[in-house]
């Protein structure tokens, strides 16, 4: 989280509403806890959930994540969509290691 936390300033994080409430609460707490500045304030202003079918940005995030994930496959076309976004990537980390 340290890697992305430094890029966040009063961020609004939107999660897909499809997950269970317990998971959503857990990830909200984790994000706020692990994105604090040196003085202890959170870099995340708000964490909320929305239905991805009604949110174009969530749909775009799903498509980008899918393109990155597919690029690690073994198909001849695995990198096809990733090549469209690679110049805009900040960092890709495979997790778990």
Foldseek 3Di string as FASTA:
>chain_A
DVVCLVVAAQAEAEAEPPDDPVVQVVVVVVQQQPNADPVGGGSHNYYYYDHCVVDPVSVVVVVQVVLVVQLPDDDPCSNVVVVVCVVVDPDDDDPPD
